[in-house]
């Protein structure tokens, strides 16, 4: 985690916190520049038609995303308006272009994003778009890509959607777990009660589980997609 510019690319508002909120908060504390990019609008898939969604609810969701980012301390949050749970109806190139534009402007060295084996279709589309936008051509800024798990999507695939999430990188978030929980609580429309996987109790339990796996009190788990070590200057 030596890179100074980090971009978290998520499909929906709250995925960024669920997937790597503790790690993002730790990176901010370490002096890194962390930014969030949220590709989808969220919540509209809960209605029969996309246009049926209450615009006030969508506006509140955007305010919640900004509030969560503030709790974590990220530098910027970029909110896009792609259709919720319908990214498979959007030309992949459109998603790629949005991500390419962000990368060209920010020039991140590290990206955190979804795992392709999640149950949610949008997560897989975002992962594919990230890989396409970060093709390792000469002088590309991105050197490392990590995929994260999202409670209520990764585990709910029950390892039946390939590839299966196989974490091999773990970040100690003992000191930032409660920051993650507090950021998640900013999402008023996404609040859930235990035993839902996104409840505060379940988030703490998941972090404790991964922490016990690697010998610390609390951790977030990631799967390394790619790491390129450049030639020394």
Protein backbone atom coordinates (compact mmCIF):
# COMPACT_ATOMS: atom_id res chain seq x y z
CA UNK A 1 0.00 0.00 0.00
CA UNK A 2 2.83 2.38 -0.79
CA UNK A 3 1.00 4.20 -3.59
CA UNK A 4 -0.36 7.66 -2.84
CA UNK A 5 -3.36 7.80 -5.21
CA UNK A 6 -6.12 5.25 -4.70
CA UNK A 7 -9.45 4.96 -6.54
CA UNK A 8 -12.33 2.82 -5.32
CA UNK A 9 -14.77 1.99 -8.12
CA UNK A 10 -18.14 0.67 -6.97
CA UNK A 11 -21.38 -0.21 -8.71
CA UNK A 12 -23.84 1.21 -6.16
CA UNK A 13 -23.94 3.65 -3.28
CA UNK A 14 -22.79 1.75 -0.15
CA UNK A 15 -20.71 -0.87 -2.05
CA UNK A 16 -17.63 1.30 -1.56
CA UNK A 17 -18.09 1.26 2.21
CA UNK A 18 -19.10 -2.40 2.43
CA UNK A 19 -16.20 -3.52 0.26
CA UNK A 20 -13.29 -1.51 1.60
CA UNK A 21 -14.50 1.20 3.97
CA UNK A 22 -12.11 0.18 6.71
CA UNK A 23 -9.16 -0.02 4.35
CA UNK A 24 -10.03 3.33 2.78
CA UNK A 25 -10.17 4.95 6.22
CA UNK A 26 -6.81 3.43 7.11
CA UNK A 27 -5.24 4.65 3.86
CA UNK A 28 -6.55 8.16 4.53
CA UNK A 29 -5.00 8.08 8.00
CA UNK A 30 -1.72 7.05 6.39
CA UNK A 31 -1.79 10.17 4.23
CA UNK A 32 -2.98 8.64 0.97
CA UNK A 33 -5.37 10.34 -1.43
CA UNK A 34 -8.45 8.13 -1.68
CA UNK A 35 -11.36 8.80 -4.04
CA UNK A 36 -14.66 7.01 -4.55
CA UNK A 37 -16.39 6.52 -7.90
CA UNK A 38 -19.93 5.12 -7.81
CA UNK A 39 -21.18 4.09 -11.23
CA UNK A 40 -24.87 3.28 -10.65
CA UNK A 41 -27.68 5.40 -9.28
CA UNK A 42 -28.97 2.82 -6.79
CA UNK A 43 -32.49 1.85 -5.63
CA UNK A 44 -34.34 2.25 -8.97
CA UNK A 45 -34.38 -1.52 -9.48
CA UNK A 46 -36.71 -1.76 -6.48
CA UNK A 47 -39.51 -0.34 -8.65
CA UNK A 48 -41.35 -1.95 -11.60
CA UNK A 49 -39.97 0.74 -13.91
CA UNK A 50 -36.84 2.84 -13.52
CA UNK A 51 -38.83 6.05 -13.96
CA UNK A 52 -41.08 5.08 -11.04
CA UNK A 53 -38.32 5.86 -8.55
CA UNK A 54 -38.78 8.89 -6.33
CA UNK A 55 -36.21 11.52 -7.30
CA UNK A 56 -36.13 12.76 -3.73
CA UNK A 57 -35.01 9.30 -2.62
CA UNK A 58 -32.27 9.26 -5.26
CA UNK A 59 -31.12 12.72 -4.25
CA UNK A 60 -31.02 11.64 -0.62
CA UNK A 61 -28.98 8.60 -1.57
CA UNK A 62 -26.41 10.87 -3.22
CA UNK A 63 -26.27 13.00 -0.09
CA UNK A 64 -25.79 9.85 1.96
CA UNK A 65 -22.89 8.79 -0.27
CA UNK A 66 -21.21 12.14 0.24
CA UNK A 67 -21.78 11.93 3.99
CA UNK A 68 -20.27 8.44 4.11
CA UNK A 69 -17.25 9.63 2.14
CA UNK A 70 -16.80 12.49 4.58
CA UNK A 71 -16.84 10.11 7.54
CA UNK A 72 -14.09 8.05 5.93
CA UNK A 73 -12.18 11.15 4.85
CA UNK A 74 -11.85 10.52 1.13
CA UNK A 75 -10.73 13.35 -1.12
CA UNK A 76 -13.57 13.17 -3.68
CA UNK A 77 -16.63 11.11 -4.50
CA UNK A 78 -17.79 10.86 -8.12
CA UNK A 79 -21.44 9.93 -8.55
CA UNK A 80 -22.66 8.59 -11.88
CA UNK A 81 -26.23 7.78 -12.86
CA UNK A 82 -26.14 4.44 -14.66
CA UNK A 83 -29.28 2.31 -14.22
CA UNK A 84 -29.40 0.28 -11.02
CA UNK A 85 -29.12 -3.50 -11.50
CA UNK A 86 -29.38 -2.95 -15.24
CA UNK A 87 -25.74 -2.35 -16.16
CA UNK A 88 -25.93 -5.41 -18.39
CA UNK A 89 -28.26 -3.34 -20.60
CA UNK A 90 -25.68 -0.55 -20.97
CA UNK A 91 -23.00 -0.92 -23.65
CA UNK A 92 -19.83 -1.96 -21.84
CA UNK A 93 -17.94 0.70 -23.76
CA UNK A 94 -20.04 3.39 -22.08
CA UNK A 95 -19.00 2.18 -18.63
CA UNK A 96 -15.39 1.80 -19.74
CA UNK A 97 -15.29 5.36 -21.07
CA UNK A 98 -16.52 6.76 -17.75
CA UNK A 99 -13.80 4.87 -15.90
CA UNK A 100 -11.13 5.79 -18.41
CA UNK A 101 -12.01 9.45 -17.99
CA UNK A 102 -11.64 9.18 -14.22
CA UNK A 103 -8.30 7.42 -14.53
CA UNK A 104 -6.98 9.98 -16.98
CA UNK A 105 -7.92 12.79 -14.61
CA UNK A 106 -6.88 11.20 -11.32
CA UNK A 107 -4.07 8.89 -12.43
CA UNK A 108 -4.50 6.42 -9.56
CA UNK A 109 -1.83 3.88 -8.88
CA UNK A 110 -4.15 1.48 -7.02
CA UNK A 111 -7.77 0.53 -7.73
CA UNK A 112 -10.18 -1.36 -5.50
CA UNK A 113 -13.30 -2.70 -7.17
CA UNK A 114 -15.82 -5.55 -7.25
CA UNK A 115 -15.23 -9.24 -7.56
CA UNK A 116 -16.62 -10.73 -10.79
CA UNK A 117 -18.20 -13.73 -9.07
CA UNK A 118 -20.74 -11.72 -7.09
CA UNK A 119 -24.46 -12.47 -7.38
CA UNK A 120 -25.23 -8.90 -8.42
CA UNK A 121 -24.91 -8.45 -12.18
CA UNK A 122 -23.74 -4.83 -11.88
CA UNK A 123 -20.71 -5.90 -9.89
CA UNK A 124 -19.52 -8.15 -12.70
CA UNK A 125 -20.01 -5.42 -15.30
CA UNK A 126 -18.01 -2.91 -13.26
CA UNK A 127 -15.19 -5.42 -12.78
CA UNK A 128 -15.02 -6.09 -16.52
CA UNK A 129 -15.10 -2.37 -17.28
CA UNK A 130 -12.28 -1.72 -14.82
CA UNK A 131 -10.11 -4.41 -16.39
CA UNK A 132 -10.78 -2.98 -19.84
CA UNK A 133 -10.07 0.58 -18.76
CA UNK A 134 -6.81 -0.42 -17.07
CA UNK A 135 -5.23 -2.45 -19.83
CA UNK A 136 -1.53 -2.42 -18.89
CA UNK A 137 -0.17 -0.41 -21.78
CA UNK A 138 3.04 1.58 -21.46
CA UNK A 139 2.88 4.51 -19.01
CA UNK A 140 -0.52 3.54 -17.58
CA UNK A 141 -0.81 4.85 -14.02
CA UNK A 142 -2.56 1.82 -12.48
CA UNK A 143 -0.12 -0.66 -10.97
CA UNK A 144 -2.33 -2.64 -8.62
CA UNK A 145 -5.94 -3.83 -8.78
CA UNK A 146 -7.76 -5.52 -5.92
CA UNK A 147 -11.27 -6.96 -5.83
CA UNK A 148 -13.33 -6.80 -2.66
CA UNK A 149 -16.29 -8.71 -1.31
CA UNK A 150 -19.67 -7.07 -0.75
CA UNK A 151 -21.79 -8.58 2.03
CA UNK A 152 -25.16 -9.78 0.66
CA UNK A 153 -23.74 -10.24 -2.84
CA UNK A 154 -20.46 -12.13 -2.69
CA UNK A 155 -21.49 -14.79 -0.18
CA UNK A 156 -25.05 -15.01 -1.56
CA UNK A 157 -23.62 -16.42 -4.79
CA UNK A 158 -22.87 -19.52 -2.66
CA UNK A 159 -19.78 -20.19 -4.78
CA UNK A 160 -22.01 -21.07 -7.74
CA UNK A 161 -20.99 -18.05 -9.82
CA UNK A 162 -17.49 -18.28 -11.24
CA UNK A 163 -14.89 -17.26 -10.37
CA UNK A 164 -15.23 -17.83 -6.64
CA UNK A 165 -13.89 -15.12 -4.31
CA UNK A 166 -10.50 -16.33 -3.06
CA UNK A 167 -8.94 -13.59 -0.91
CA UNK A 168 -5.18 -13.51 -0.69
CA UNK A 169 -4.57 -9.99 0.63
CA UNK A 170 -5.78 -8.86 4.04
CA UNK A 171 -5.73 -5.40 5.62
CA UNK A 172 -5.81 -4.92 9.38
CA UNK A 173 -8.70 -2.52 10.08
CA UNK A 174 -8.75 -2.88 13.85
CA UNK A 175 -8.42 0.88 14.24
CA UNK A 176 -10.89 1.81 11.48
CA UNK A 177 -13.66 -0.79 11.73
CA UNK A 178 -15.94 1.56 13.63
CA UNK A 179 -15.31 4.26 11.03
CA UNK A 180 -16.59 1.81 8.42
CA UNK A 181 -19.68 1.05 10.49
CA UNK A 182 -20.34 4.76 11.04
CA UNK A 183 -19.97 5.46 7.32
CA UNK A 184 -22.42 2.69 6.48
CA UNK A 185 -24.92 4.17 8.92
CA UNK A 186 -24.96 7.33 6.77
CA UNK A 187 -26.95 5.35 4.19
CA UNK A 188 -30.39 5.92 5.65
CA UNK A 189 -32.28 3.92 2.99
CA UNK A 190 -29.86 0.99 3.22
CA UNK A 191 -30.04 0.51 6.99
CA UNK A 192 -30.63 -3.12 7.93
CA UNK A 193 -31.06 -5.09 11.11
CA UNK A 194 -29.20 -8.22 12.19
CA UNK A 195 -28.97 -10.91 10.89
CA UNK A 196 -28.82 -9.13 7.52
CA UNK A 197 -25.22 -9.19 6.21
CA UNK A 198 -25.12 -5.38 5.94
CA UNK A 199 -26.15 -4.79 9.55
CA UNK A 200 -23.54 -3.30 11.90
CA UNK A 201 -23.33 -6.53 13.88
CA UNK A 202 -22.72 -8.59 10.74
CA UNK A 203 -20.09 -6.18 9.42
CA UNK A 204 -18.22 -6.42 12.71
CA UNK A 205 -18.53 -10.21 12.67
CA UNK A 206 -17.15 -10.46 9.12
CA UNK A 207 -14.19 -8.25 10.00
CA UNK A 208 -13.57 -10.31 13.13
CA UNK A 209 -13.70 -13.51 11.09
CA UNK A 210 -11.07 -12.28 8.62
CA UNK A 211 -9.02 -10.83 11.46
CA UNK A 212 -8.96 -14.19 13.22
CA UNK A 213 -7.98 -15.82 9.93
CA UNK A 214 -4.82 -13.72 9.66
CA UNK A 215 -4.00 -13.04 13.29
CA UNK A 216 -5.46 -9.62 14.08
CA UNK A 217 -8.63 -8.29 15.65
CA UNK A 218 -10.36 -7.12 12.47
CA UNK A 219 -9.54 -7.23 8.76
CA UNK A 220 -10.92 -6.75 5.27
CA UNK A 221 -10.20 -9.34 2.61
CA UNK A 222 -9.23 -8.76 -1.02
CA UNK A 223 -8.24 -10.78 -4.03
CA UNK A 224 -5.24 -9.43 -5.89
CA UNK A 225 -6.06 -9.12 -9.57
CA UNK A 226 -2.81 -7.63 -10.79
CA UNK A 227 0.35 -6.07 -9.41
CA UNK A 228 3.05 -4.57 -11.60
CA UNK A 229 6.34 -3.52 -10.07
CA UNK A 230 7.87 -0.86 -12.30
CA UNK A 231 11.54 -0.55 -13.06
CA UNK A 232 13.38 1.67 -10.53
CA UNK A 233 13.95 5.25 -11.64
